[in-house]
Structures are given as structure tokens and as C-alpha cells.
Amino acid sequence: MSEARGHILVVGASSGVGRAVAERFAPTAQVTAVARRADRLAELAAAGVATVAADVADLAGIGGLIQGIVAERGLLTGLIYCAGLQVIKPMRALAVDEVERLYRVNLVAPTVFASAFASARVSTRDGVFCAVSSVAAQRPEPAIVPYAASKAGLDALIKGLARELAPRRAVGVAPGWLDTEMTQAQGRVYTAEFREALEKRSPAGIATVESVVDAITFLLSPQARHVTGEILRVDGGATL
């Protein structure tokens, strides 16, 4: 990236991959973290990360949000979209508002962020747009069909952006199951038996948040300067 430290916007930095990414880049880049939970942002601020409280589901506010961030801290050299929502329910039990919010957070919002990122007034010519997808995009399963569909749409978005935003790059990571607050909240689904079975079918072991952040770090680095339109799977080989 062209600037010595760069300016990286991390969207969805409350917990999980987003929080870990903000913490990883903080020592070497100027990081702005956006999240809905103000209490979590306060913890990042204490670590030297610039923070902005905002709900990505407020689509109309995204443009002004980014303009304010850029006006205060300079053009973006990277935007990492980590916000995500999962609903685990059979199709017959889904409510309309659940489906609408899931697509809004997982697909519509990153599209709006990418639209803003495409502008020379927002990002540098060598800027990188990176989004967190999921292996579910390619292997949808019962009870997470809308989630998988939203991530499949995100994969298509990344590939399209790679062509339209050039010379800016667009990349993604597709984690398998991760031990995060989002999955911990689904203890009835992700049981000890689930983890044991996943471990057995993962040749390289169950993926971790740290390994996903390692992949994102590489994709934003000069070493990946000729990598664009790719979604890097990080699942320990579980979906082979």
C-alpha cells in the first residue's frame, strides 16, 4: 500500500474476526474501527484504535459515515468488512424481518461500503477491499440457507469488484466454523459433539480466529499485490 502506515477501516469490530483484525493492524497502520456496541469500541480505543459507533444496517448513513472518517483521518488504503449476522432456523420458521436484516447486514451493507470505497475521494488507487465470507457460500446446509445465500452473494460481489475497481483489489476470506461469540450463542447447535466431529474431518485442525486474521493480513499486504477476486478458504480442510 502506498502510504507508510496506511489507513484501514474495519467494519464490524465488536468481537470475533473484526476485533482481532483491528488489534492486529493497530501497531502498523492507522485503524478506524466501526461497530454497533459502544462498550466494545471503548476497549479498542484504549488500545489506540480510532473508533466510530454505527449500525451497518442503517444503509442511508453509510456514505456520510465514510466521508466523515476520511475527512478526519485520510484516504483508506484498506476496508475490511467483518460484520455478519447468522440466523439458525428452518425455512418454515423464518420471519420476514429476520431474513431482511440478515441480507441487509451480510450483503447489502458491504455492497454500499464497496460503492463508497470505489471513489478516489475515499480510497487510494492501490487500496484493498476485503470481506469475510463463509464456506457456507459453497456448501449451504439446512437451517442456514439464507445465511449461505447471503455469503454466496458476497463472493460474487468480491469477484465483480475485482474487475470494476481495478487497480484497487477486492478479496475475501471464507472461514469454516470459528469459536466466536456468534457461535457460542448457539450452544444447542454447536455442541461438544459437533466440535469433536469437526476436528476429525479437519486435516489441519479446526480453524481459529487468529488463522483467519493471518489470511487477511496476507491479502492486504504487498506480497498479495497480484491477488484479486479470490476468496481464500480458511477451514483446516474440513470442506475438502
C-alpha atoms as a PDB file:
ATOM      1  CA  MET A   1       0.000   0.000   0.000  1.00  0.00           C
ATOM      2  CA  SER A   2       1.226   3.396  -0.940  1.00  0.00           C
ATOM      3  CA  GLU A   3       1.206   5.169   2.414  1.00  0.00           C
ATOM      4  CA  ALA A   4       3.816   4.282   5.037  1.00  0.00           C
ATOM      5  CA  ARG A   5       1.250   3.257   7.637  1.00  0.00           C
ATOM      6  CA  GLY A   6      -1.953   3.300   5.660  1.00  0.00           C
ATOM      7  CA  HIS A   7      -5.481   3.871   6.893  1.00  0.00           C
ATOM      8  CA  ILE A   8      -7.578   0.745   7.352  1.00  0.00           C
ATOM      9  CA  LEU A   9     -11.290   0.793   8.104  1.00  0.00           C
ATOM     10  CA  VAL A  10     -12.543  -2.279   9.955  1.00  0.00           C
ATOM     11  CA  VAL A  11     -16.315  -2.659   9.862  1.00  0.00           C
ATOM     12  CA  GLY A  12     -17.835  -4.908  12.491  1.00  0.00           C
ATOM     13  CA  ALA A  13     -15.107  -4.674  15.120  1.00  0.00           C
ATOM     14  CA  SER A  14     -17.113  -5.542  18.241  1.00  0.00           C
ATOM     15  CA  SER A  15     -15.840  -9.096  18.555  1.00  0.00           C
ATOM     16  CA  GLY A  16     -14.528 -12.124  16.702  1.00  0.00           C
ATOM     17  CA  VAL A  17     -12.576 -11.592  13.498  1.00  0.00           C
ATOM     18  CA  GLY A  18     -13.326  -7.872  13.318  1.00  0.00           C
ATOM     19  CA  ARG A  19     -11.948  -7.094  16.735  1.00  0.00           C
ATOM     20  CA  ALA A  20      -8.901  -9.312  16.183  1.00  0.00           C
ATOM     21  CA  VAL A  21      -8.197  -7.651  12.812  1.00  0.00           C
ATOM     22  CA  ALA A  22      -8.349  -4.163  14.333  1.00  0.00           C
ATOM     23  CA  GLU A  23      -5.948  -5.219  17.065  1.00  0.00           C
ATOM     24  CA  ARG A  24      -3.578  -6.886  14.586  1.00  0.00           C
ATOM     25  CA  PHE A  25      -3.245  -3.853  12.306  1.00  0.00           C
ATOM     26  CA  ALA A  26      -3.169  -1.205  15.063  1.00  0.00           C
ATOM     27  CA  PRO A  27       0.625  -1.331  15.622  1.00  0.00           C
ATOM     28  CA  THR A  28       1.481  -0.895  11.932  1.00  0.00           C
ATOM     29  CA  ALA A  29      -1.371   1.139  10.419  1.00  0.00           C
ATOM     30  CA  GLN A  30      -3.857   3.818  11.277  1.00  0.00           C
ATOM     31  CA  VAL A  31      -7.014   1.854  12.083  1.00  0.00           C
ATOM     32  CA  THR A  32     -10.569   3.109  12.297  1.00  0.00           C
ATOM     33  CA  ALA A  33     -12.985   0.589  13.821  1.00  0.00           C
ATOM     34  CA  VAL A  34     -16.735   0.755  13.279  1.00  0.00           C
ATOM     35  CA  ALA A  35     -19.147  -1.245  15.401  1.00  0.00           C
ATOM     36  CA  ARG A  36     -22.570  -1.021  16.962  1.00  0.00           C
ATOM     37  CA  ARG A  37     -21.517  -1.792  20.539  1.00  0.00           C
ATOM     38  CA  ALA A  38     -20.018   1.298  22.149  1.00  0.00           C
ATOM     39  CA  ASP A  39     -18.659  -0.648  25.140  1.00  0.00           C
ATOM     40  CA  ARG A  40     -16.511  -2.830  22.880  1.00  0.00           C
ATOM     41  CA  LEU A  41     -15.275   0.179  20.959  1.00  0.00           C
ATOM     42  CA  ALA A  42     -14.115   1.765  24.197  1.00  0.00           C
ATOM     43  CA  GLU A  43     -11.805  -1.206  24.743  1.00  0.00           C
ATOM     44  CA  LEU A  44     -10.322  -0.771  21.253  1.00  0.00           C
ATOM     45  CA  ALA A  45      -9.934   2.966  21.772  1.00  0.00           C
ATOM     46  CA  ALA A  46      -7.864   2.231  24.857  1.00  0.00           C
ATOM     47  CA  ALA A  47      -5.531   0.254  22.591  1.00  0.00           C
ATOM     48  CA  GLY A  48      -5.026   3.238  20.276  1.00  0.00           C
ATOM     49  CA  VAL A  49      -7.648   2.438  17.649  1.00  0.00           C
ATOM     50  CA  ALA A  50      -9.873   5.257  16.359  1.00  0.00           C
ATOM     51  CA  THR A  51     -13.487   4.209  16.839  1.00  0.00           C
ATOM     52  CA  VAL A  52     -16.906   5.137  15.482  1.00  0.00           C
ATOM     53  CA  ALA A  53     -20.187   3.751  16.805  1.00  0.00           C
ATOM     54  CA  ALA A  54     -22.597   2.936  13.983  1.00  0.00           C
ATOM     55  CA  ASP A  55     -25.062   0.266  12.890  1.00  0.00           C
ATOM     56  CA  VAL A  56     -24.246  -1.022   9.398  1.00  0.00           C
ATOM     57  CA  ALA A  57     -27.923  -1.859   8.951  1.00  0.00           C
ATOM     58  CA  ASP A  58     -28.506   1.899   8.636  1.00  0.00           C
ATOM     59  CA  LEU A  59     -27.735   1.868   4.939  1.00  0.00           C
ATOM     60  CA  ALA A  60     -28.560   5.510   4.360  1.00  0.00           C
ATOM     61  CA  GLY A  61     -25.941   6.548   6.893  1.00  0.00           C
ATOM     62  CA  ILE A  62     -23.013   4.629   5.386  1.00  0.00           C
ATOM     63  CA  GLY A  63     -21.998   7.303   2.894  1.00  0.00           C
ATOM     64  CA  GLY A  64     -21.843  10.042   5.486  1.00  0.00           C
ATOM     65  CA  LEU A  65     -20.076   7.711   7.911  1.00  0.00           C
ATOM     66  CA  ILE A  66     -17.254   7.017   5.456  1.00  0.00           C
ATOM     67  CA  GLN A  67     -16.976  10.646   4.362  1.00  0.00           C
ATOM     68  CA  GLY A  68     -16.539  11.707   7.969  1.00  0.00           C
ATOM     69  CA  ILE A  69     -13.890   9.070   8.617  1.00  0.00           C
ATOM     70  CA  VAL A  70     -11.912  10.009   5.501  1.00  0.00           C
ATOM     71  CA  ALA A  71     -12.198  13.733   6.182  1.00  0.00           C
ATOM     72  CA  GLU A  72     -10.755  13.244   9.652  1.00  0.00           C
ATOM     73  CA  ARG A  73      -8.103  10.582   9.027  1.00  0.00           C
ATOM     74  CA  GLY A  74      -7.339  10.481   5.316  1.00  0.00           C
ATOM     75  CA  LEU A  75      -7.943   8.193   2.356  1.00  0.00           C
ATOM     76  CA  LEU A  76      -8.448   4.496   3.014  1.00  0.00           C
ATOM     77  CA  THR A  77      -5.798   2.022   1.930  1.00  0.00           C
ATOM     78  CA  GLY A  78      -7.937  -0.879   3.093  1.00  0.00           C
ATOM     79  CA  LEU A  79     -11.521  -1.644   4.069  1.00  0.00           C
ATOM     80  CA  ILE A  80     -12.187  -4.917   5.875  1.00  0.00           C
ATOM     81  CA  TYR A  81     -15.865  -5.825   6.183  1.00  0.00           C
ATOM     82  CA  CYS A  82     -16.297  -8.240   9.097  1.00  0.00           C
ATOM     83  CA  ALA A  83     -19.861  -7.504  10.186  1.00  0.00           C
ATOM     84  CA  GLY A  84     -22.115 -10.517   9.903  1.00  0.00           C
ATOM     85  CA  LEU A  85     -25.386 -11.976  11.115  1.00  0.00           C
ATOM     86  CA  GLN A  86     -26.409 -15.613  11.342  1.00  0.00           C
ATOM     87  CA  VAL A  87     -29.895 -16.979  11.894  1.00  0.00           C
ATOM     88  CA  ILE A  88     -30.180 -20.716  12.517  1.00  0.00           C
ATOM     89  CA  LYS A  89     -33.746 -21.737  11.743  1.00  0.00           C
ATOM     90  CA  PRO A  90     -35.573 -23.978   9.286  1.00  0.00           C
ATOM     91  CA  MET A  91     -37.032 -22.060   6.369  1.00  0.00           C
ATOM     92  CA  ARG A  92     -40.612 -22.579   7.565  1.00  0.00           C
ATOM     93  CA  ALA A  93     -39.822 -20.762  10.834  1.00  0.00           C
ATOM     94  CA  LEU A  94     -38.135 -17.663   9.404  1.00  0.00           C
ATOM     95  CA  ALA A  95     -39.784 -14.304   9.912  1.00  0.00           C
ATOM     96  CA  VAL A  96     -39.630 -11.678   7.180  1.00  0.00           C
ATOM     97  CA  ASP A  97     -37.792  -9.189   9.375  1.00  0.00           C
ATOM     98  CA  GLU A  98     -35.140 -11.794  10.232  1.00  0.00           C
ATOM     99  CA  VAL A  99     -34.459 -12.504   6.566  1.00  0.00           C
ATOM    100  CA  GLU A 100     -34.424  -8.816   5.669  1.00  0.00           C
ATOM    101  CA  ARG A 101     -31.939  -7.847   8.388  1.00  0.00           C
ATOM    102  CA  LEU A 102     -29.675 -10.816   7.603  1.00  0.00           C
ATOM    103  CA  TYR A 103     -29.370  -9.805   3.944  1.00  0.00           C
ATOM    104  CA  ARG A 104     -29.035  -6.167   4.892  1.00  0.00           C
ATOM    105  CA  VAL A 105     -26.036  -6.826   7.159  1.00  0.00           C
ATOM    106  CA  ASN A 106     -24.385  -9.647   5.213  1.00  0.00           C
ATOM    107  CA  LEU A 107     -24.778  -8.446   1.637  1.00  0.00           C
ATOM    108  CA  VAL A 108     -26.453  -5.073   1.106  1.00  0.00           C
ATOM    109  CA  ALA A 109     -24.289  -3.157   3.576  1.00  0.00           C
ATOM    110  CA  PRO A 110     -20.965  -4.428   2.177  1.00  0.00           C
ATOM    111  CA  THR A 111     -22.213  -3.500  -1.289  1.00  0.00           C
ATOM    112  CA  VAL A 112     -22.863   0.060  -0.122  1.00  0.00           C
ATOM    113  CA  PHE A 113     -19.468   0.231   1.605  1.00  0.00           C
ATOM    114  CA  ALA A 114     -17.805  -1.049  -1.581  1.00  0.00           C
ATOM    115  CA  SER A 115     -19.621   1.574  -3.636  1.00  0.00           C
ATOM    116  CA  ALA A 116     -18.144   4.293  -1.447  1.00  0.00           C
ATOM    117  CA  PHE A 117     -14.706   2.645  -1.437  1.00  0.00           C
ATOM    118  CA  ALA A 118     -14.625   2.763  -5.242  1.00  0.00           C
ATOM    119  CA  SER A 119     -14.316   6.560  -5.184  1.00  0.00           C
ATOM    120  CA  ALA A 120     -10.936   8.276  -5.499  1.00  0.00           C
ATOM    121  CA  ARG A 121     -12.196  10.606  -2.788  1.00  0.00           C
ATOM    122  CA  VAL A 122     -12.385   7.674  -0.370  1.00  0.00           C
ATOM    123  CA  SER A 123      -9.595   5.201  -1.181  1.00  0.00           C
ATOM    124  CA  THR A 124      -6.133   5.132  -2.723  1.00  0.00           C
ATOM    125  CA  ARG A 125      -5.561   3.563  -6.143  1.00  0.00           C
ATOM    126  CA  ASP A 126      -3.822   0.602  -4.521  1.00  0.00           C
ATOM    127  CA  GLY A 127      -6.477   0.195  -1.842  1.00  0.00           C
ATOM    128  CA  VAL A 128      -7.825  -3.241  -0.928  1.00  0.00           C
ATOM    129  CA  PHE A 129     -11.436  -4.145  -0.177  1.00  0.00           C
ATOM    130  CA  CYS A 130     -11.661  -7.350   1.862  1.00  0.00           C
ATOM    131  CA  ALA A 131     -14.779  -9.080   3.165  1.00  0.00           C
ATOM    132  CA  VAL A 132     -15.346 -12.047   5.465  1.00  0.00           C
ATOM    133  CA  SER A 133     -17.445 -14.656   3.683  1.00  0.00           C
ATOM    134  CA  SER A 134     -18.005 -18.272   4.749  1.00  0.00           C
ATOM    135  CA  VAL A 135     -17.531 -21.807   3.472  1.00  0.00           C
ATOM    136  CA  ALA A 136     -21.333 -21.970   3.687  1.00  0.00           C
ATOM    137  CA  ALA A 137     -21.439 -19.912   0.481  1.00  0.00           C
ATOM    138  CA  GLN A 138     -20.328 -23.018  -1.409  1.00  0.00           C
ATOM    139  CA  ARG A 139     -21.776 -25.623   0.939  1.00  0.00           C
ATOM    140  CA  PRO A 140     -25.168 -24.449   2.206  1.00  0.00           C
ATOM    141  CA  GLU A 141     -26.789 -26.595   4.866  1.00  0.00           C
ATOM    142  CA  PRO A 142     -30.278 -26.905   6.344  1.00  0.00           C
ATOM    143  CA  ALA A 143     -31.229 -24.186   8.864  1.00  0.00           C
ATOM    144  CA  ILE A 144     -28.689 -21.676   7.490  1.00  0.00           C
ATOM    145  CA  VAL A 145     -29.945 -21.360   3.905  1.00  0.00           C
ATOM    146  CA  PRO A 146     -30.439 -17.559   3.895  1.00  0.00           C
ATOM    147  CA  TYR A 147     -27.050 -17.095   5.600  1.00  0.00           C
ATOM    148  CA  ALA A 148     -25.360 -19.260   2.960  1.00  0.00           C
ATOM    149  CA  ALA A 149     -27.151 -17.419   0.160  1.00  0.00           C
ATOM    150  CA  SER A 150     -26.061 -14.041   1.516  1.00  0.00           C
ATOM    151  CA  LYS A 151     -22.446 -15.195   1.636  1.00  0.00           C
ATOM    152  CA  ALA A 152     -22.669 -16.591  -1.891  1.00  0.00           C
ATOM    153  CA  GLY A 153     -23.833 -13.149  -2.979  1.00  0.00           C
ATOM    154  CA  LEU A 154     -20.880 -11.633  -1.123  1.00  0.00           C
ATOM    155  CA  ASP A 155     -18.498 -13.910  -3.027  1.00  0.00           C
ATOM    156  CA  ALA A 156     -19.991 -12.724  -6.317  1.00  0.00           C
ATOM    157  CA  LEU A 157     -19.663  -9.127  -5.140  1.00  0.00           C
ATOM    158  CA  ILE A 158     -15.953  -9.613  -4.436  1.00  0.00           C
ATOM    159  CA  LYS A 159     -15.301 -11.110  -7.860  1.00  0.00           C
ATOM    160  CA  GLY A 160     -17.191  -8.344  -9.612  1.00  0.00           C
ATOM    161  CA  LEU A 161     -15.448  -5.636  -7.610  1.00  0.00           C
ATOM    162  CA  ALA A 162     -12.067  -7.063  -8.591  1.00  0.00           C
ATOM    163  CA  ARG A 163     -12.865  -6.284 -12.218  1.00  0.00           C
ATOM    164  CA  GLU A 164     -14.629  -2.954 -11.751  1.00  0.00           C
ATOM    165  CA  LEU A 165     -12.475  -1.366  -9.023  1.00  0.00           C
ATOM    166  CA  ALA A 166      -9.066  -2.097 -10.589  1.00  0.00           C
ATOM    167  CA  PRO A 167      -6.339  -1.150  -9.883  1.00  0.00           C
ATOM    168  CA  ARG A 168      -7.848  -1.440  -6.404  1.00  0.00           C
ATOM    169  CA  ARG A 169      -8.039  -5.062  -5.316  1.00  0.00           C
ATOM    170  CA  ALA A 170     -11.023  -6.964  -3.916  1.00  0.00           C
ATOM    171  CA  VAL A 171     -10.511 -10.147  -1.920  1.00  0.00           C
ATOM    172  CA  GLY A 172     -12.220 -12.250   0.708  1.00  0.00           C
ATOM    173  CA  VAL A 173     -11.712 -14.962   3.271  1.00  0.00           C
ATOM    174  CA  ALA A 174     -14.119 -17.847   3.792  1.00  0.00           C
ATOM    175  CA  PRO A 175     -13.722 -19.268   7.284  1.00  0.00           C
ATOM    176  CA  GLY A 176     -15.156 -22.545   8.374  1.00  0.00           C
ATOM    177  CA  TRP A 177     -16.687 -22.806  11.829  1.00  0.00           C
ATOM    178  CA  LEU A 178     -14.981 -20.496  14.333  1.00  0.00           C
ATOM    179  CA  ASP A 179     -15.209 -20.319  18.100  1.00  0.00           C
ATOM    180  CA  THR A 180     -16.614 -16.801  18.460  1.00  0.00           C
ATOM    181  CA  GLU A 181     -19.353 -15.042  20.389  1.00  0.00           C
ATOM    182  CA  MET A 182     -21.715 -15.584  17.466  1.00  0.00           C
ATOM    183  CA  THR A 183     -21.269 -19.353  17.509  1.00  0.00           C
ATOM    184  CA  GLN A 184     -21.048 -19.568  21.292  1.00  0.00           C
ATOM    185  CA  ALA A 185     -24.553 -18.096  21.398  1.00  0.00           C
ATOM    186  CA  GLN A 186     -25.732 -21.215  19.531  1.00  0.00           C
ATOM    187  CA  GLY A 187     -24.644 -23.715  22.156  1.00  0.00           C
ATOM    188  CA  ARG A 188     -27.509 -26.079  21.389  1.00  0.00           C
ATOM    189  CA  VAL A 189     -26.261 -26.437  17.821  1.00  0.00           C
ATOM    190  CA  TYR A 190     -22.506 -26.191  18.256  1.00  0.00           C
ATOM    191  CA  THR A 191     -22.099 -28.786  20.966  1.00  0.00           C
ATOM    192  CA  ALA A 192     -19.021 -30.642  22.164  1.00  0.00           C
ATOM    193  CA  GLU A 193     -20.055 -33.473  19.867  1.00  0.00           C
ATOM    194  CA  PHE A 194     -20.160 -31.042  16.930  1.00  0.00           C
ATOM    195  CA  ARG A 195     -16.635 -29.840  17.674  1.00  0.00           C
ATOM    196  CA  GLU A 196     -15.341 -33.392  18.034  1.00  0.00           C
ATOM    197  CA  ALA A 197     -16.780 -34.383  14.666  1.00  0.00           C
ATOM    198  CA  LEU A 198     -15.401 -31.224  13.041  1.00  0.00           C
ATOM    199  CA  GLU A 199     -11.949 -31.898  14.443  1.00  0.00           C
ATOM    200  CA  LYS A 200     -11.971 -35.395  12.960  1.00  0.00           C
ATOM    201  CA  ARG A 201     -12.798 -34.162   9.453  1.00  0.00           C
ATOM    202  CA  SER A 202     -10.344 -31.243   9.519  1.00  0.00           C
ATOM    203  CA  PRO A 203      -6.918 -32.445   8.292  1.00  0.00           C
ATOM    204  CA  ALA A 204      -5.185 -29.281   9.556  1.00  0.00           C
ATOM    205  CA  GLY A 205      -7.350 -28.902  12.659  1.00  0.00           C
ATOM    206  CA  ILE A 206     -10.244 -26.557  13.356  1.00  0.00           C
ATOM    207  CA  ALA A 207      -9.568 -23.063  12.055  1.00  0.00           C
ATOM    208  CA  THR A 208      -9.148 -20.236  14.548  1.00  0.00           C
ATOM    209  CA  VAL A 209      -9.836 -16.510  14.533  1.00  0.00           C
ATOM    210  CA  GLU A 210      -6.076 -15.958  14.524  1.00  0.00           C
ATOM    211  CA  SER A 211      -5.603 -18.035  11.364  1.00  0.00           C
ATOM    212  CA  VAL A 212      -8.334 -16.042   9.612  1.00  0.00           C
ATOM    213  CA  VAL A 213      -6.649 -12.786  10.646  1.00  0.00           C
ATOM    214  CA  ASP A 214      -3.346 -14.162   9.325  1.00  0.00           C
ATOM    215  CA  ALA A 215      -5.020 -14.723   5.957  1.00  0.00           C
ATOM    216  CA  ILE A 216      -6.489 -11.215   5.905  1.00  0.00           C
ATOM    217  CA  THR A 217      -3.118  -9.735   6.821  1.00  0.00           C
ATOM    218  CA  PHE A 218      -1.531 -11.509   3.871  1.00  0.00           C
ATOM    219  CA  LEU A 219      -4.270 -10.474   1.435  1.00  0.00           C
ATOM    220  CA  LEU A 220      -3.819  -6.797   2.330  1.00  0.00           C
ATOM    221  CA  SER A 221      -0.037  -6.992   2.107  1.00  0.00           C
ATOM    222  CA  PRO A 222       2.223  -6.139  -0.866  1.00  0.00           C
ATOM    223  CA  GLN A 223       3.007  -9.862  -1.095  1.00  0.00           C
ATOM    224  CA  ALA A 224      -0.556 -10.364  -2.383  1.00  0.00           C
ATOM    225  CA  ARG A 225      -0.408  -7.460  -4.858  1.00  0.00           C
ATOM    226  CA  HIS A 226      -1.396  -9.729  -7.757  1.00  0.00           C
ATOM    227  CA  VAL A 227      -4.181 -11.494  -5.860  1.00  0.00           C
ATOM    228  CA  THR A 228      -7.635 -10.117  -6.592  1.00  0.00           C
ATOM    229  CA  GLY A 229     -11.107 -11.579  -6.971  1.00  0.00           C
ATOM    230  CA  GLU A 230     -10.120 -14.531  -4.780  1.00  0.00           C
ATOM    231  CA  ILE A 231     -11.894 -15.818  -1.686  1.00  0.00           C
ATOM    232  CA  LEU A 232      -9.375 -17.696   0.447  1.00  0.00           C
ATOM    233  CA  ARG A 233     -10.883 -20.635   2.321  1.00  0.00           C
ATOM    234  CA  VAL A 234      -9.644 -20.995   5.908  1.00  0.00           C
ATOM    235  CA  ASP A 235     -11.255 -24.088   7.401  1.00  0.00           C
ATOM    236  CA  GLY A 236      -8.495 -26.550   8.202  1.00  0.00           C
ATOM    237  CA  GLY A 237      -9.553 -28.623   5.208  1.00  0.00           C
ATOM    238  CA  ALA A 238     -12.928 -29.536   6.704  1.00  0.00           C
ATOM    239  CA  THR A 239     -14.769 -28.980   3.416  1.00  0.00           C
ATOM    240  CA  LEU A 240     -12.349 -30.888   1.193  1.00  0.00           C
END
